[in-house]
Amino acid sequence: MTVSSQVQQALASLKGAQASFESFSLETQNQPAKQTYQNAAQQCQMLVDQIEARVQQIQQEEPQYKQQ
């Protein structure tokens, strides 16, 4: 497995975790828990943004890793 595919896989997992936190936030009535889930989702989004930037960098440096 290449670094590019590992990064892509990590990105997909992180997006899944973010979606779960957003869902948990919408489903709970407990305000402290809702805030915790919202914060976790926001932190995931920041990481997603950073990793997506890294994916673009990898694709520019190594065009063979660009997904069709």
PDB file of N, CA and C in Angstrom:
ATOM      1  N   MET A   1       0.855  -1.181   0.000  1.00  0.00           N
ATOM      2  CA  MET A   1       0.000   0.000   0.000  1.00  0.00           C
ATOM      3  C   MET A   1       0.895   1.238   0.000  1.00  0.00           C
ATOM      4  N   THR A   2       0.610   2.140  -0.924  1.00  0.00           N
ATOM      5  CA  THR A   2       1.424   3.347  -1.041  1.00  0.00           C
ATOM      6  C   THR A   2       1.031   4.377   0.021  1.00  0.00           C
ATOM      7  N   VAL A   3       1.910   5.329   0.208  1.00  0.00           N
ATOM      8  CA  VAL A   3       1.616   6.407   1.154  1.00  0.00           C
ATOM      9  C   VAL A   3       0.352   7.140   0.718  1.00  0.00           C
ATOM     10  N   SER A   4       0.224   7.364  -0.562  1.00  0.00           N
ATOM     11  CA  SER A   4      -0.954   8.061  -1.071  1.00  0.00           C
ATOM     12  C   SER A   4      -2.234   7.321  -0.721  1.00  0.00           C
ATOM     13  N   SER A   5      -2.251   6.026  -0.930  1.00  0.00           N
ATOM     14  CA  SER A   5      -3.465   5.261  -0.619  1.00  0.00           C
ATOM     15  C   SER A   5      -3.711   5.201   0.882  1.00  0.00           C
ATOM     16  N   GLN A   6      -2.661   5.179   1.677  1.00  0.00           N
ATOM     17  CA  GLN A   6      -2.825   5.190   3.135  1.00  0.00           C
ATOM     18  C   GLN A   6      -3.411   6.520   3.602  1.00  0.00           C
ATOM     19  N   VAL A   7      -2.946   7.606   3.016  1.00  0.00           N
ATOM     20  CA  VAL A   7      -3.464   8.926   3.372  1.00  0.00           C
ATOM     21  C   VAL A   7      -4.930   9.038   2.947  1.00  0.00           C
ATOM     22  N   GLN A   8      -5.248   8.540   1.754  1.00  0.00           N
ATOM     23  CA  GLN A   8      -6.639   8.555   1.278  1.00  0.00           C
ATOM     24  C   GLN A   8      -7.535   7.744   2.211  1.00  0.00           C
ATOM     25  N   GLN A   9      -7.043   6.594   2.653  1.00  0.00           N
ATOM     26  CA  GLN A   9      -7.819   5.744   3.552  1.00  0.00           C
ATOM     27  C   GLN A   9      -8.030   6.440   4.903  1.00  0.00           C
ATOM     28  N   ALA A  10      -6.987   7.066   5.416  1.00  0.00           N
ATOM     29  CA  ALA A  10      -7.099   7.798   6.682  1.00  0.00           C
ATOM     30  C   ALA A  10      -8.095   8.949   6.549  1.00  0.00           C
ATOM     31  N   LEU A  11      -8.077   9.619   5.412  1.00  0.00           N
ATOM     32  CA  LEU A  11      -8.997  10.726   5.162  1.00  0.00           C
ATOM     33  C   LEU A  11     -10.444  10.232   5.154  1.00  0.00           C
ATOM     34  N   ALA A  12     -10.679   9.132   4.498  1.00  0.00           N
ATOM     35  CA  ALA A  12     -12.034   8.565   4.454  1.00  0.00           C
ATOM     36  C   ALA A  12     -12.507   8.172   5.854  1.00  0.00           C
ATOM     37  N   SER A  13     -11.623   7.585   6.641  1.00  0.00           N
ATOM     38  CA  SER A  13     -11.981   7.206   8.012  1.00  0.00           C
ATOM     39  C   SER A  13     -12.297   8.436   8.858  1.00  0.00           C
ATOM     40  N   LEU A  14     -11.506   9.463   8.681  1.00  0.00           N
ATOM     41  CA  LEU A  14     -11.725  10.701   9.435  1.00  0.00           C
ATOM     42  C   LEU A  14     -13.053  11.355   9.062  1.00  0.00           C
ATOM     43  N   LYS A  15     -13.389  11.336   7.778  1.00  0.00           N
ATOM     44  CA  LYS A  15     -14.680  11.889   7.352  1.00  0.00           C
ATOM     45  C   LYS A  15     -15.833  11.077   7.944  1.00  0.00           C
ATOM     46  N   GLY A  16     -15.649   9.766   8.055  1.00  0.00           N
ATOM     47  CA  GLY A  16     -16.667   8.925   8.675  1.00  0.00           C
ATOM     48  C   GLY A  16     -16.843   9.257  10.147  1.00  0.00           C
ATOM     49  N   ALA A  17     -15.735   9.474  10.845  1.00  0.00           N
ATOM     50  CA  ALA A  17     -15.801   9.847  12.259  1.00  0.00           C
ATOM     51  C   ALA A  17     -16.495  11.195  12.425  1.00  0.00           C
ATOM     52  N   GLN A  18     -16.180  12.128  11.545  1.00  0.00           N
ATOM     53  CA  GLN A  18     -16.819  13.442  11.606  1.00  0.00           C
ATOM     54  C   GLN A  18     -18.329  13.315  11.428  1.00  0.00           C
ATOM     55  N   ALA A  19     -18.744  12.533  10.474  1.00  0.00           N
ATOM     56  CA  ALA A  19     -20.176  12.333  10.231  1.00  0.00           C
ATOM     57  C   ALA A  19     -20.850  11.705  11.446  1.00  0.00           C
ATOM     58  N   SER A  20     -20.173  10.773  12.084  1.00  0.00           N
ATOM     59  CA  SER A  20     -20.728  10.147  13.286  1.00  0.00           C
ATOM     60  C   SER A  20     -20.910  11.171  14.399  1.00  0.00           C
ATOM     61  N   PHE A  21     -19.907  12.001  14.625  1.00  0.00           N
ATOM     62  CA  PHE A  21     -20.014  13.021  15.670  1.00  0.00           C
ATOM     63  C   PHE A  21     -21.158  13.998  15.371  1.00  0.00           C
ATOM     64  N   GLU A  22     -21.304  14.378  14.112  1.00  0.00           N
ATOM     65  CA  GLU A  22     -22.391  15.282  13.748  1.00  0.00           C
ATOM     66  C   GLU A  22     -23.744  14.619  14.001  1.00  0.00           C
ATOM     67  N   SER A  23     -23.834  13.350  13.670  1.00  0.00           N
ATOM     68  CA  SER A  23     -25.075  12.608  13.903  1.00  0.00           C
ATOM     69  C   SER A  23     -25.378  12.495  15.395  1.00  0.00           C
ATOM     70  N   PHE A  24     -24.362  12.163  16.177  1.00  0.00           N
ATOM     71  CA  PHE A  24     -24.552  12.062  17.632  1.00  0.00           C
ATOM     72  C   PHE A  24     -25.031  13.399  18.192  1.00  0.00           C
ATOM     73  N   SER A  25     -24.457  14.490  17.691  1.00  0.00           N
ATOM     74  CA  SER A  25     -24.828  15.820  18.166  1.00  0.00           C
ATOM     75  C   SER A  25     -26.296  16.116  17.892  1.00  0.00           C
ATOM     76  N   LEU A  26     -26.773  15.701  16.749  1.00  0.00           N
ATOM     77  CA  LEU A  26     -28.176  15.950  16.391  1.00  0.00           C
ATOM     78  C   LEU A  26     -29.135  15.063  17.173  1.00  0.00           C
ATOM     79  N   GLU A  27     -28.679  13.883  17.546  1.00  0.00           N
ATOM     80  CA  GLU A  27     -29.562  12.913  18.190  1.00  0.00           C
ATOM     81  C   GLU A  27     -29.692  13.097  19.704  1.00  0.00           C
ATOM     82  N   THR A  28     -28.714  13.715  20.334  1.00  0.00           N
ATOM     83  CA  THR A  28     -28.745  13.808  21.800  1.00  0.00           C
ATOM     84  C   THR A  28     -29.484  15.062  22.265  1.00  0.00           C
ATOM     85  N   GLN A  29     -30.117  14.946  23.411  1.00  0.00           N
ATOM     86  CA  GLN A  29     -30.777  16.089  24.045  1.00  0.00           C
ATOM     87  C   GLN A  29     -29.898  16.678  25.146  1.00  0.00           C
ATOM     88  N   ASN A  30     -28.860  15.948  25.528  1.00  0.00           N
ATOM     89  CA  ASN A  30     -27.948  16.370  26.580  1.00  0.00           C
ATOM     90  C   ASN A  30     -27.032  17.466  26.034  1.00  0.00           C
ATOM     91  N   GLN A  31     -27.188  18.680  26.540  1.00  0.00           N
ATOM     92  CA  GLN A  31     -26.452  19.821  25.990  1.00  0.00           C
ATOM     93  C   GLN A  31     -24.928  19.697  26.125  1.00  0.00           C
ATOM     94  N   PRO A  32     -24.408  19.267  27.273  1.00  0.00           N
ATOM     95  CA  PRO A  32     -22.943  19.111  27.334  1.00  0.00           C
ATOM     96  C   PRO A  32     -22.428  18.064  26.330  1.00  0.00           C
ATOM     97  N   ALA A  33     -23.165  16.985  26.171  1.00  0.00           N
ATOM     98  CA  ALA A  33     -22.768  15.960  25.198  1.00  0.00           C
ATOM     99  C   ALA A  33     -22.861  16.511  23.778  1.00  0.00           C
ATOM    100  N   LYS A  34     -23.925  17.259  23.500  1.00  0.00           N
ATOM    101  CA  LYS A  34     -24.106  17.868  22.179  1.00  0.00           C
ATOM    102  C   LYS A  34     -22.915  18.771  21.851  1.00  0.00           C
ATOM    103  N   GLN A  35     -22.501  19.576  22.833  1.00  0.00           N
ATOM    104  CA  GLN A  35     -21.366  20.475  22.622  1.00  0.00           C
ATOM    105  C   GLN A  35     -20.073  19.693  22.398  1.00  0.00           C
ATOM    106  N   THR A  36     -19.893  18.624  23.140  1.00  0.00           N
ATOM    107  CA  THR A  36     -18.707  17.781  22.973  1.00  0.00           C
ATOM    108  C   THR A  36     -18.658  17.193  21.569  1.00  0.00           C
ATOM    109  N   TYR A  37     -19.794  16.668  21.098  1.00  0.00           N
ATOM    110  CA  TYR A  37     -19.847  16.094  19.751  1.00  0.00           C
ATOM    111  C   TYR A  37     -19.626  17.152  18.677  1.00  0.00           C
ATOM    112  N   GLN A  38     -20.180  18.336  18.880  1.00  0.00           N
ATOM    113  CA  GLN A  38     -19.978  19.414  17.914  1.00  0.00           C
ATOM    114  C   GLN A  38     -18.509  19.832  17.850  1.00  0.00           C
ATOM    115  N   ASN A  39     -17.872  19.914  19.022  1.00  0.00           N
ATOM    116  CA  ASN A  39     -16.447  20.253  19.065  1.00  0.00           C
ATOM    117  C   ASN A  39     -15.607  19.184  18.368  1.00  0.00           C
ATOM    118  N   ALA A  40     -15.941  17.935  18.614  1.00  0.00           N
ATOM    119  CA  ALA A  40     -15.210  16.836  17.978  1.00  0.00           C
ATOM    120  C   ALA A  40     -15.375  16.893  16.461  1.00  0.00           C
ATOM    121  N   ALA A  41     -16.575  17.177  15.990  1.00  0.00           N
ATOM    122  CA  ALA A  41     -16.825  17.282  14.552  1.00  0.00           C
ATOM    123  C   ALA A  41     -16.026  18.437  13.945  1.00  0.00           C
ATOM    124  N   GLN A  42     -15.951  19.555  14.661  1.00  0.00           N
ATOM    125  CA  GLN A  42     -15.179  20.703  14.173  1.00  0.00           C
ATOM    126  C   GLN A  42     -13.690  20.374  14.104  1.00  0.00           C
ATOM    127  N   GLN A  43     -13.182  19.671  15.108  1.00  0.00           N
ATOM    128  CA  GLN A  43     -11.776  19.280  15.097  1.00  0.00           C
ATOM    129  C   GLN A  43     -11.499  18.318  13.946  1.00  0.00           C
ATOM    130  N   CYS A  44     -12.428  17.400  13.715  1.00  0.00           N
ATOM    131  CA  CYS A  44     -12.287  16.491  12.578  1.00  0.00           C
ATOM    132  C   CYS A  44     -12.239  17.278  11.278  1.00  0.00           C
ATOM    133  N   GLN A  45     -13.092  18.290  11.143  1.00  0.00           N
ATOM    134  CA  GLN A  45     -13.113  19.085   9.910  1.00  0.00           C
ATOM    135  C   GLN A  45     -11.782  19.789   9.695  1.00  0.00           C
ATOM    136  N   MET A  46     -11.184  20.306  10.760  1.00  0.00           N
ATOM    137  CA  MET A  46      -9.875  20.955  10.624  1.00  0.00           C
ATOM    138  C   MET A  46      -8.830  19.953  10.134  1.00  0.00           C
ATOM    139  N   LEU A  47      -8.878  18.736  10.664  1.00  0.00           N
ATOM    140  CA  LEU A  47      -7.947  17.706  10.225  1.00  0.00           C
ATOM    141  C   LEU A  47      -8.213  17.297   8.783  1.00  0.00           C
ATOM    142  N   VAL A  48      -9.477  17.171   8.414  1.00  0.00           N
ATOM    143  CA  VAL A  48      -9.839  16.833   7.037  1.00  0.00           C
ATOM    144  C   VAL A  48      -9.254  17.880   6.085  1.00  0.00           C
ATOM    145  N   ASP A  49      -9.408  19.146   6.421  1.00  0.00           N
ATOM    146  CA  ASP A  49      -8.880  20.219   5.575  1.00  0.00           C
ATOM    147  C   ASP A  49      -7.365  20.097   5.406  1.00  0.00           C
ATOM    148  N   GLN A  50      -6.669  19.820   6.503  1.00  0.00           N
ATOM    149  CA  GLN A  50      -5.211  19.693   6.448  1.00  0.00           C
ATOM    150  C   GLN A  50      -4.794  18.477   5.634  1.00  0.00           C
ATOM    151  N   ILE A  51      -5.484  17.380   5.819  1.00  0.00           N
ATOM    152  CA  ILE A  51      -5.112  16.155   5.100  1.00  0.00           C
ATOM    153  C   ILE A  51      -5.468  16.276   3.622  1.00  0.00           C
ATOM    154  N   GLU A  52      -6.581  16.934   3.301  1.00  0.00           N
ATOM    155  CA  GLU A  52      -6.911  17.144   1.892  1.00  0.00           C
ATOM    156  C   GLU A  52      -5.851  17.989   1.205  1.00  0.00           C
ATOM    157  N   ALA A  53      -5.306  18.967   1.909  1.00  0.00           N
ATOM    158  CA  ALA A  53      -4.223  19.775   1.354  1.00  0.00           C
ATOM    159  C   ALA A  53      -2.994  18.897   1.105  1.00  0.00           C
ATOM    160  N   ARG A  54      -2.745  17.980   2.011  1.00  0.00           N
ATOM    161  CA  ARG A  54      -1.598  17.067   1.836  1.00  0.00           C
ATOM    162  C   ARG A  54      -1.836  16.136   0.648  1.00  0.00           C
ATOM    163  N   VAL A  55      -3.054  15.664   0.468  1.00  0.00           N
ATOM    164  CA  VAL A  55      -3.376  14.801  -0.674  1.00  0.00           C
ATOM    165  C   VAL A  55      -3.108  15.551  -1.975  1.00  0.00           C
ATOM    166  N   GLN A  56      -3.516  16.803  -2.040  1.00  0.00           N
ATOM    167  CA  GLN A  56      -3.265  17.600  -3.243  1.00  0.00           C
ATOM    168  C   GLN A  56      -1.770  17.759  -3.494  1.00  0.00           C
ATOM    169  N   GLN A  57      -1.022  17.956  -2.418  1.00  0.00           N
ATOM    170  CA  GLN A  57       0.424  18.089  -2.545  1.00  0.00           C
ATOM    171  C   GLN A  57       1.028  16.789  -3.077  1.00  0.00           C
ATOM    172  N   ILE A  58       0.597  15.656  -2.545  1.00  0.00           N
ATOM    173  CA  ILE A  58       1.094  14.359  -3.013  1.00  0.00           C
ATOM    174  C   ILE A  58       0.777  14.183  -4.495  1.00  0.00           C
ATOM    175  N   GLN A  59      -0.433  14.544  -4.895  1.00  0.00           N
ATOM    176  CA  GLN A  59      -0.839  14.367  -6.284  1.00  0.00           C
ATOM    177  C   GLN A  59      -0.053  15.272  -7.227  1.00  0.00           C
ATOM    178  N   GLN A  60       0.325  16.453  -6.750  1.00  0.00           N
ATOM    179  CA  GLN A  60       1.132  17.347  -7.584  1.00  0.00           C
ATOM    180  C   GLN A  60       2.564  16.826  -7.699  1.00  0.00           C
ATOM    181  N   GLU A  61       3.085  16.298  -6.608  1.00  0.00           N
ATOM    182  CA  GLU A  61       4.453  15.797  -6.604  1.00  0.00           C
ATOM    183  C   GLU A  61       4.573  14.467  -7.346  1.00  0.00           C
ATOM    184  N   GLU A  62       3.534  13.651  -7.238  1.00  0.00           N
ATOM    185  CA  GLU A  62       3.540  12.320  -7.828  1.00  0.00           C
ATOM    186  C   GLU A  62       2.256  12.126  -8.639  1.00  0.00           C
ATOM    187  N   PRO A  63       2.223  12.594  -9.881  1.00  0.00           N
ATOM    188  CA  PRO A  63       0.998  12.557 -10.684  1.00  0.00           C
ATOM    189  C   PRO A  63       0.409  11.145 -10.844  1.00  0.00           C
ATOM    190  N   GLN A  64       1.205  10.113 -10.724  1.00  0.00           N
ATOM    191  CA  GLN A  64       0.669   8.751 -10.872  1.00  0.00           C
ATOM    192  C   GLN A  64      -0.311   8.398  -9.756  1.00  0.00           C
ATOM    193  N   TYR A  65      -0.308   9.154  -8.661  1.00  0.00           N
ATOM    194  CA  TYR A  65      -1.223   8.879  -7.558  1.00  0.00           C
ATOM    195  C   TYR A  65      -2.554   9.617  -7.688  1.00  0.00           C
ATOM    196  N   LYS A  66      -2.663  10.451  -8.722  1.00  0.00           N
ATOM    197  CA  LYS A  66      -3.912  11.199  -8.913  1.00  0.00           C
ATOM    198  C   LYS A  66      -5.018  10.217  -9.260  1.00  0.00           C
ATOM    199  N   GLN A  67      -6.144  10.331  -8.551  1.00  0.00           N
ATOM    200  CA  GLN A  67      -7.260   9.431  -8.805  1.00  0.00           C
ATOM    201  C   GLN A  67      -8.009   9.873 -10.039  1.00  0.00           C
ATOM    202  N   GLN A  68      -8.446   8.907 -10.802  1.00  0.00           N
ATOM    203  CA  GLN A  68      -9.181   9.180 -12.050  1.00  0.00           C
ATOM    204  C   GLN A  68     -10.623   9.516 -11.747  1.00  0.00           C
TER     205      GLN A  68
END
